[in-house]
Amino acid sequence: MSSETAIIGIDTITLVEGFGAMRIFLETVWRRHGKSNEAIEFVLGGLNWPDGSPADPTMWADWLAAVEVARSGRSTSVR
């Protein structure tokens, strides 16, 4: 078993922690690629929580839906 598998198998985080982790991940990718991808920049702006709630409530709803899909083991196609 790889270390990645072991981590995924035993670690749990809250929805809010997962949302924050996704934001940090996207920001890392954005910085690595020279901050040139406008789509990632747009998403990052909507993921900020300046006052304790998401800047774009639709992104939070999309995140919750993605979590449900991931939990159920279903796959979804991106168009």
PDB file of N, CA and C in Angstrom:
ATOM      1  N   MET A   1       0.851  -1.166   0.000  1.00  0.00           N
ATOM      2  CA  MET A   1       0.000   0.000   0.000  1.00  0.00           C
ATOM      3  C   MET A   1       0.901   1.235   0.000  1.00  0.00           C
ATOM      4  N   SER A   2       0.605   2.203  -0.871  1.00  0.00           N
ATOM      5  CA  SER A   2       1.405   3.423  -0.933  1.00  0.00           C
ATOM      6  C   SER A   2       1.029   4.362   0.204  1.00  0.00           C
ATOM      7  N   SER A   3       1.897   5.320   0.473  1.00  0.00           N
ATOM      8  CA  SER A   3       1.608   6.281   1.541  1.00  0.00           C
ATOM      9  C   SER A   3       0.385   7.125   1.195  1.00  0.00           C
ATOM     10  N   GLU A   4       0.161   7.395  -0.109  1.00  0.00           N
ATOM     11  CA  GLU A   4      -1.015   8.169  -0.504  1.00  0.00           C
ATOM     12  C   GLU A   4      -2.297   7.416  -0.178  1.00  0.00           C
ATOM     13  N   THR A   5      -2.295   6.127  -0.423  1.00  0.00           N
ATOM     14  CA  THR A   5      -3.467   5.315  -0.132  1.00  0.00           C
ATOM     15  C   THR A   5      -3.727   5.282   1.363  1.00  0.00           C
ATOM     16  N   ALA A   6      -2.676   5.142   2.147  1.00  0.00           N
ATOM     17  CA  ALA A   6      -2.835   5.104   3.598  1.00  0.00           C
ATOM     18  C   ALA A   6      -3.406   6.416   4.116  1.00  0.00           C
ATOM     19  N   ILE A   7      -2.943   7.520   3.591  1.00  0.00           N
ATOM     20  CA  ILE A   7      -3.442   8.818   4.046  1.00  0.00           C
ATOM     21  C   ILE A   7      -4.910   8.969   3.691  1.00  0.00           C
ATOM     22  N   ILE A   8      -5.284   8.636   2.475  1.00  0.00           N
ATOM     23  CA  ILE A   8      -6.668   8.758   2.056  1.00  0.00           C
ATOM     24  C   ILE A   8      -7.558   7.841   2.886  1.00  0.00           C
ATOM     25  N   GLY A   9      -7.065   6.675   3.234  1.00  0.00           N
ATOM     26  CA  GLY A   9      -7.868   5.709   3.963  1.00  0.00           C
ATOM     27  C   GLY A   9      -8.138   6.075   5.412  1.00  0.00           C
ATOM     28  N   ILE A  10      -7.291   6.877   6.040  1.00  0.00           N
ATOM     29  CA  ILE A  10      -7.469   7.120   7.470  1.00  0.00           C
ATOM     30  C   ILE A  10      -7.770   8.566   7.834  1.00  0.00           C
ATOM     31  N   ASP A  11      -7.446   9.503   6.982  1.00  0.00           N
ATOM     32  CA  ASP A  11      -7.663  10.905   7.322  1.00  0.00           C
ATOM     33  C   ASP A  11      -9.075  11.339   6.942  1.00  0.00           C
ATOM     34  N   THR A  12      -9.659  12.123   7.812  1.00  0.00           N
ATOM     35  CA  THR A  12     -10.942  12.736   7.487  1.00  0.00           C
ATOM     36  C   THR A  12     -10.837  14.219   7.802  1.00  0.00           C
ATOM     37  N   ILE A  13     -11.535  15.003   7.008  1.00  0.00           N
ATOM     38  CA  ILE A  13     -11.581  16.438   7.225  1.00  0.00           C
ATOM     39  C   ILE A  13     -13.022  16.890   7.072  1.00  0.00           C
ATOM     40  N   THR A  14     -13.308  18.068   7.575  1.00  0.00           N
ATOM     41  CA  THR A  14     -14.656  18.607   7.433  1.00  0.00           C
ATOM     42  C   THR A  14     -14.848  19.154   6.026  1.00  0.00           C
ATOM     43  N   LEU A  15     -16.087  19.420   5.680  1.00  0.00           N
ATOM     44  CA  LEU A  15     -16.369  20.028   4.378  1.00  0.00           C
ATOM     45  C   LEU A  15     -15.668  21.366   4.233  1.00  0.00           C
ATOM     46  N   VAL A  16     -15.660  22.155   5.288  1.00  0.00           N
ATOM     47  CA  VAL A  16     -15.019  23.468   5.239  1.00  0.00           C
ATOM     48  C   VAL A  16     -13.506  23.317   5.075  1.00  0.00           C
ATOM     49  N   GLU A  17     -12.890  22.365   5.792  1.00  0.00           N
ATOM     50  CA  GLU A  17     -11.459  22.121   5.637  1.00  0.00           C
ATOM     51  C   GLU A  17     -11.140  21.649   4.217  1.00  0.00           C
ATOM     52  N   GLY A  18     -11.986  20.790   3.674  1.00  0.00           N
ATOM     53  CA  GLY A  18     -11.794  20.322   2.307  1.00  0.00           C
ATOM     54  C   GLY A  18     -11.910  21.450   1.298  1.00  0.00           C
ATOM     55  N   PHE A  19     -12.871  22.325   1.519  1.00  0.00           N
ATOM     56  CA  PHE A  19     -13.061  23.487   0.653  1.00  0.00           C
ATOM     57  C   PHE A  19     -11.818  24.360   0.689  1.00  0.00           C
ATOM     58  N   GLY A  20     -11.298  24.600   1.893  1.00  0.00           N
ATOM     59  CA  GLY A  20     -10.072  25.389   2.037  1.00  0.00           C
ATOM     60  C   GLY A  20      -8.888  24.711   1.378  1.00  0.00           C
ATOM     61  N   ALA A  21      -8.796  23.401   1.509  1.00  0.00           N
ATOM     62  CA  ALA A  21      -7.702  22.663   0.887  1.00  0.00           C
ATOM     63  C   ALA A  21      -7.773  22.771  -0.636  1.00  0.00           C
ATOM     64  N   MET A  22      -8.983  22.706  -1.172  1.00  0.00           N
ATOM     65  CA  MET A  22      -9.140  22.850  -2.617  1.00  0.00           C
ATOM     66  C   MET A  22      -8.677  24.236  -3.060  1.00  0.00           C
ATOM     67  N   ARG A  23      -9.035  25.260  -2.293  1.00  0.00           N
ATOM     68  CA  ARG A  23      -8.631  26.622  -2.633  1.00  0.00           C
ATOM     69  C   ARG A  23      -7.120  26.755  -2.602  1.00  0.00           C
ATOM     70  N   ILE A  24      -6.487  26.205  -1.582  1.00  0.00           N
ATOM     71  CA  ILE A  24      -5.023  26.261  -1.466  1.00  0.00           C
ATOM     72  C   ILE A  24      -4.375  25.509  -2.623  1.00  0.00           C
ATOM     73  N   PHE A  25      -4.925  24.349  -2.974  1.00  0.00           N
ATOM     74  CA  PHE A  25      -4.405  23.575  -4.091  1.00  0.00           C
ATOM     75  C   PHE A  25      -4.472  24.382  -5.393  1.00  0.00           C
ATOM     76  N   LEU A  26      -5.635  24.964  -5.661  1.00  0.00           N
ATOM     77  CA  LEU A  26      -5.780  25.746  -6.894  1.00  0.00           C
ATOM     78  C   LEU A  26      -4.843  26.945  -6.911  1.00  0.00           C
ATOM     79  N   GLU A  27      -4.671  27.587  -5.762  1.00  0.00           N
ATOM     80  CA  GLU A  27      -3.761  28.733  -5.699  1.00  0.00           C
ATOM     81  C   GLU A  27      -2.327  28.292  -5.964  1.00  0.00           C
ATOM     82  N   THR A  28      -1.940  27.134  -5.453  1.00  0.00           N
ATOM     83  CA  THR A  28      -0.596  26.605  -5.686  1.00  0.00           C
ATOM     84  C   THR A  28      -0.376  26.361  -7.179  1.00  0.00           C
ATOM     85  N   VAL A  29      -1.362  25.745  -7.830  1.00  0.00           N
ATOM     86  CA  VAL A  29      -1.253  25.503  -9.270  1.00  0.00           C
ATOM     87  C   VAL A  29      -1.176  26.827 -10.021  1.00  0.00           C
ATOM     88  N   TRP A  30      -2.008  27.762  -9.641  1.00  0.00           N
ATOM     89  CA  TRP A  30      -2.041  29.085 -10.275  1.00  0.00           C
ATOM     90  C   TRP A  30      -0.680  29.763 -10.177  1.00  0.00           C
ATOM     91  N   ARG A  31      -0.078  29.745  -8.986  1.00  0.00           N
ATOM     92  CA  ARG A  31       1.241  30.365  -8.796  1.00  0.00           C
ATOM     93  C   ARG A  31       2.315  29.627  -9.594  1.00  0.00           C
ATOM     94  N   ARG A  32       2.261  28.314  -9.609  1.00  0.00           N
ATOM     95  CA  ARG A  32       3.255  27.518 -10.318  1.00  0.00           C
ATOM     96  C   ARG A  32       3.247  27.820 -11.812  1.00  0.00           C
ATOM     97  N   HIS A  33       2.098  28.153 -12.331  1.00  0.00           N
ATOM     98  CA  HIS A  33       1.983  28.415 -13.766  1.00  0.00           C
ATOM     99  C   HIS A  33       2.041  29.900 -14.088  1.00  0.00           C
ATOM    100  N   GLY A  34       2.678  30.670 -13.227  1.00  0.00           N
ATOM    101  CA  GLY A  34       2.921  32.074 -13.514  1.00  0.00           C
ATOM    102  C   GLY A  34       1.726  32.986 -13.365  1.00  0.00           C
ATOM    103  N   LYS A  35       0.730  32.558 -12.624  1.00  0.00           N
ATOM    104  CA  LYS A  35      -0.458  33.371 -12.369  1.00  0.00           C
ATOM    105  C   LYS A  35      -1.110  33.861 -13.666  1.00  0.00           C
ATOM    106  N   SER A  36      -1.057  33.036 -14.699  1.00  0.00           N
ATOM    107  CA  SER A  36      -1.564  33.491 -15.986  1.00  0.00           C
ATOM    108  C   SER A  36      -2.922  32.905 -16.358  1.00  0.00           C
ATOM    109  N   ASN A  37      -3.407  31.951 -15.630  1.00  0.00           N
ATOM    110  CA  ASN A  37      -4.654  31.306 -15.999  1.00  0.00           C
ATOM    111  C   ASN A  37      -5.840  32.067 -15.401  1.00  0.00           C
ATOM    112  N   GLU A  38      -6.549  32.783 -16.242  1.00  0.00           N
ATOM    113  CA  GLU A  38      -7.667  33.606 -15.771  1.00  0.00           C
ATOM    114  C   GLU A  38      -8.798  32.779 -15.170  1.00  0.00           C
ATOM    115  N   ALA A  39      -8.997  31.574 -15.671  1.00  0.00           N
ATOM    116  CA  ALA A  39     -10.066  30.729 -15.136  1.00  0.00           C
ATOM    117  C   ALA A  39      -9.794  30.352 -13.687  1.00  0.00           C
ATOM    118  N   ILE A  40      -8.557  29.957 -13.382  1.00  0.00           N
ATOM    119  CA  ILE A  40      -8.219  29.615 -11.994  1.00  0.00           C
ATOM    120  C   ILE A  40      -8.323  30.854 -11.115  1.00  0.00           C
ATOM    121  N   GLU A  41      -7.881  31.992 -11.610  1.00  0.00           N
ATOM    122  CA  GLU A  41      -7.969  33.239 -10.849  1.00  0.00           C
ATOM    123  C   GLU A  41      -9.428  33.568 -10.523  1.00  0.00           C
ATOM    124  N   PHE A  42     -10.320  33.389 -11.478  1.00  0.00           N
ATOM    125  CA  PHE A  42     -11.744  33.621 -11.267  1.00  0.00           C
ATOM    126  C   PHE A  42     -12.285  32.708 -10.173  1.00  0.00           C
ATOM    127  N   VAL A  43     -11.937  31.428 -10.253  1.00  0.00           N
ATOM    128  CA  VAL A  43     -12.408  30.464  -9.260  1.00  0.00           C
ATOM    129  C   VAL A  43     -11.865  30.823  -7.881  1.00  0.00           C
ATOM    130  N   LEU A  44     -10.577  31.152  -7.803  1.00  0.00           N
ATOM    131  CA  LEU A  44      -9.984  31.519  -6.515  1.00  0.00           C
ATOM    132  C   LEU A  44     -10.717  32.701  -5.881  1.00  0.00           C
ATOM    133  N   GLY A  45     -11.082  33.672  -6.680  1.00  0.00           N
ATOM    134  CA  GLY A  45     -11.813  34.829  -6.165  1.00  0.00           C
ATOM    135  C   GLY A  45     -13.141  34.429  -5.553  1.00  0.00           C
ATOM    136  N   GLY A  46     -13.829  33.498  -6.183  1.00  0.00           N
ATOM    137  CA  GLY A  46     -15.108  33.045  -5.667  1.00  0.00           C
ATOM    138  C   GLY A  46     -15.004  32.150  -4.452  1.00  0.00           C
ATOM    139  N   LEU A  47     -13.821  31.565  -4.227  1.00  0.00           N
ATOM    140  CA  LEU A  47     -13.630  30.652  -3.109  1.00  0.00           C
ATOM    141  C   LEU A  47     -13.192  31.349  -1.822  1.00  0.00           C
ATOM    142  N   ASN A  48     -12.846  32.601  -1.896  1.00  0.00           N
ATOM    143  CA  ASN A  48     -12.419  33.320  -0.689  1.00  0.00           C
ATOM    144  C   ASN A  48     -13.572  33.435   0.302  1.00  0.00           C
ATOM    145  N   TRP A  49     -13.229  33.411   1.581  1.00  0.00           N
ATOM    146  CA  TRP A  49     -14.211  33.533   2.665  1.00  0.00           C
ATOM    147  C   TRP A  49     -13.883  34.781   3.483  1.00  0.00           C
ATOM    148  N   PRO A  50     -14.066  35.979   2.925  1.00  0.00           N
ATOM    149  CA  PRO A  50     -13.631  37.189   3.617  1.00  0.00           C
ATOM    150  C   PRO A  50     -14.360  37.458   4.932  1.00  0.00           C
ATOM    151  N   ASP A  51     -15.607  37.028   5.034  1.00  0.00           N
ATOM    152  CA  ASP A  51     -16.388  37.318   6.242  1.00  0.00           C
ATOM    153  C   ASP A  51     -16.997  36.065   6.863  1.00  0.00           C
ATOM    154  N   GLY A  52     -16.410  34.919   6.577  1.00  0.00           N
ATOM    155  CA  GLY A  52     -16.932  33.675   7.132  1.00  0.00           C
ATOM    156  C   GLY A  52     -17.903  32.960   6.219  1.00  0.00           C
ATOM    157  N   SER A  53     -18.155  33.517   5.057  1.00  0.00           N
ATOM    158  CA  SER A  53     -18.991  32.844   4.071  1.00  0.00           C
ATOM    159  C   SER A  53     -18.339  33.009   2.704  1.00  0.00           C
ATOM    160  N   PRO A  54     -18.616  32.076   1.784  1.00  0.00           N
ATOM    161  CA  PRO A  54     -17.951  32.154   0.485  1.00  0.00           C
ATOM    162  C   PRO A  54     -18.338  33.417  -0.276  1.00  0.00           C
ATOM    163  N   ALA A  55     -17.372  33.973  -0.988  1.00  0.00           N
ATOM    164  CA  ALA A  55     -17.636  35.155  -1.802  1.00  0.00           C
ATOM    165  C   ALA A  55     -18.675  34.838  -2.875  1.00  0.00           C
ATOM    166  N   ASP A  56     -18.695  33.605  -3.351  1.00  0.00           N
ATOM    167  CA  ASP A  56     -19.663  33.165  -4.355  1.00  0.00           C
ATOM    168  C   ASP A  56     -20.411  31.954  -3.805  1.00  0.00           C
ATOM    169  N   PRO A  57     -21.620  32.165  -3.278  1.00  0.00           N
ATOM    170  CA  PRO A  57     -22.380  31.055  -2.686  1.00  0.00           C
ATOM    171  C   PRO A  57     -22.646  29.912  -3.653  1.00  0.00           C
ATOM    172  N   THR A  58     -22.689  30.181  -4.946  1.00  0.00           N
ATOM    173  CA  THR A  58     -22.900  29.129  -5.927  1.00  0.00           C
ATOM    174  C   THR A  58     -21.733  28.153  -5.927  1.00  0.00           C
ATOM    175  N   MET A  59     -20.511  28.664  -5.733  1.00  0.00           N
ATOM    176  CA  MET A  59     -19.346  27.773  -5.681  1.00  0.00           C
ATOM    177  C   MET A  59     -19.424  26.857  -4.466  1.00  0.00           C
ATOM    178  N   TRP A  60     -19.944  27.347  -3.348  1.00  0.00           N
ATOM    179  CA  TRP A  60     -20.112  26.498  -2.163  1.00  0.00           C
ATOM    180  C   TRP A  60     -21.131  25.401  -2.470  1.00  0.00           C
ATOM    181  N   ALA A  61     -22.230  25.753  -3.128  1.00  0.00           N
ATOM    182  CA  ALA A  61     -23.234  24.758  -3.497  1.00  0.00           C
ATOM    183  C   ALA A  61     -22.638  23.719  -4.452  1.00  0.00           C
ATOM    184  N   ASP A  62     -21.824  24.187  -5.402  1.00  0.00           N
ATOM    185  CA  ASP A  62     -21.161  23.260  -6.325  1.00  0.00           C
ATOM    186  C   ASP A  62     -20.200  22.341  -5.580  1.00  0.00           C
ATOM    187  N   TRP A  63     -19.507  22.895  -4.572  1.00  0.00           N
ATOM    188  CA  TRP A  63     -18.581  22.098  -3.766  1.00  0.00           C
ATOM    189  C   TRP A  63     -19.345  21.006  -3.014  1.00  0.00           C
ATOM    190  N   LEU A  64     -20.459  21.363  -2.388  1.00  0.00           N
ATOM    191  CA  LEU A  64     -21.253  20.377  -1.652  1.00  0.00           C
ATOM    192  C   LEU A  64     -21.756  19.282  -2.587  1.00  0.00           C
ATOM    193  N   ALA A  65     -22.172  19.653  -3.793  1.00  0.00           N
ATOM    194  CA  ALA A  65     -22.625  18.661  -4.761  1.00  0.00           C
ATOM    195  C   ALA A  65     -21.473  17.740  -5.163  1.00  0.00           C
ATOM    196  N   ALA A  66     -20.287  18.305  -5.353  1.00  0.00           N
ATOM    197  CA  ALA A  66     -19.114  17.502  -5.714  1.00  0.00           C
ATOM    198  C   ALA A  66     -18.770  16.518  -4.599  1.00  0.00           C
ATOM    199  N   VAL A  67     -18.889  16.963  -3.358  1.00  0.00           N
ATOM    200  CA  VAL A  67     -18.628  16.081  -2.217  1.00  0.00           C
ATOM    201  C   VAL A  67     -19.599  14.910  -2.230  1.00  0.00           C
ATOM    202  N   GLU A  68     -20.863  15.168  -2.490  1.00  0.00           N
ATOM    203  CA  GLU A  68     -21.854  14.098  -2.525  1.00  0.00           C
ATOM    204  C   GLU A  68     -21.548  13.097  -3.630  1.00  0.00           C
ATOM    205  N   VAL A  69     -21.132  13.593  -4.784  1.00  0.00           N
ATOM    206  CA  VAL A  69     -20.770  12.694  -5.881  1.00  0.00           C
ATOM    207  C   VAL A  69     -19.569  11.844  -5.480  1.00  0.00           C
ATOM    208  N   ALA A  70     -18.562  12.492  -4.891  1.00  0.00           N
ATOM    209  CA  ALA A  70     -17.356  11.763  -4.482  1.00  0.00           C
ATOM    210  C   ALA A  70     -17.677  10.727  -3.412  1.00  0.00           C
ATOM    211  N   ARG A  71     -18.515  11.073  -2.457  1.00  0.00           N
ATOM    212  CA  ARG A  71     -18.890  10.138  -1.395  1.00  0.00           C
ATOM    213  C   ARG A  71     -19.635   8.927  -1.932  1.00  0.00           C
ATOM    214  N   SER A  72     -20.444   9.152  -2.943  1.00  0.00           N
ATOM    215  CA  SER A  72     -21.273   8.067  -3.463  1.00  0.00           C
ATOM    216  C   SER A  72     -20.498   7.146  -4.380  1.00  0.00           C
ATOM    217  N   GLY A  73     -19.311   7.587  -4.829  1.00  0.00           N
ATOM    218  CA  GLY A  73     -18.506   6.774  -5.738  1.00  0.00           C
ATOM    219  C   GLY A  73     -18.931   6.913  -7.180  1.00  0.00           C
ATOM    220  N   ARG A  74     -19.903   7.757  -7.451  1.00  0.00           N
ATOM    221  CA  ARG A  74     -20.319   7.995  -8.832  1.00  0.00           C
ATOM    222  C   ARG A  74     -19.265   8.830  -9.527  1.00  0.00           C
ATOM    223  N   SER A  75     -19.275   8.778 -10.814  1.00  0.00           N
ATOM    224  CA  SER A  75     -18.405   9.671 -11.574  1.00  0.00           C
ATOM    225  C   SER A  75     -19.302  10.647 -12.313  1.00  0.00           C
ATOM    226  N   THR A  76     -18.748  11.748 -12.675  1.00  0.00           N
ATOM    227  CA  THR A  76     -19.490  12.747 -13.416  1.00  0.00           C
ATOM    228  C   THR A  76     -18.637  13.233 -14.570  1.00  0.00           C
ATOM    229  N   SER A  77     -19.243  13.538 -15.672  1.00  0.00           N
ATOM    230  CA  SER A  77     -18.481  14.038 -16.813  1.00  0.00           C
ATOM    231  C   SER A  77     -18.503  15.555 -16.807  1.00  0.00           C
ATOM    232  N   VAL A  78     -17.381  16.139 -17.144  1.00  0.00           N
ATOM    233  CA  VAL A  78     -17.253  17.584 -17.225  1.00  0.00           C
ATOM    234  C   VAL A  78     -17.393  17.973 -18.679  1.00  0.00           C
ATOM    235  N   ARG A  79     -18.248  18.888 -18.937  1.00  0.00           N
ATOM    236  CA  ARG A  79     -18.452  19.340 -20.325  1.00  0.00           C
ATOM    237  C   ARG A  79     -17.958  20.725 -20.522  1.00  0.00           C
TER     238      ARG A  79
END
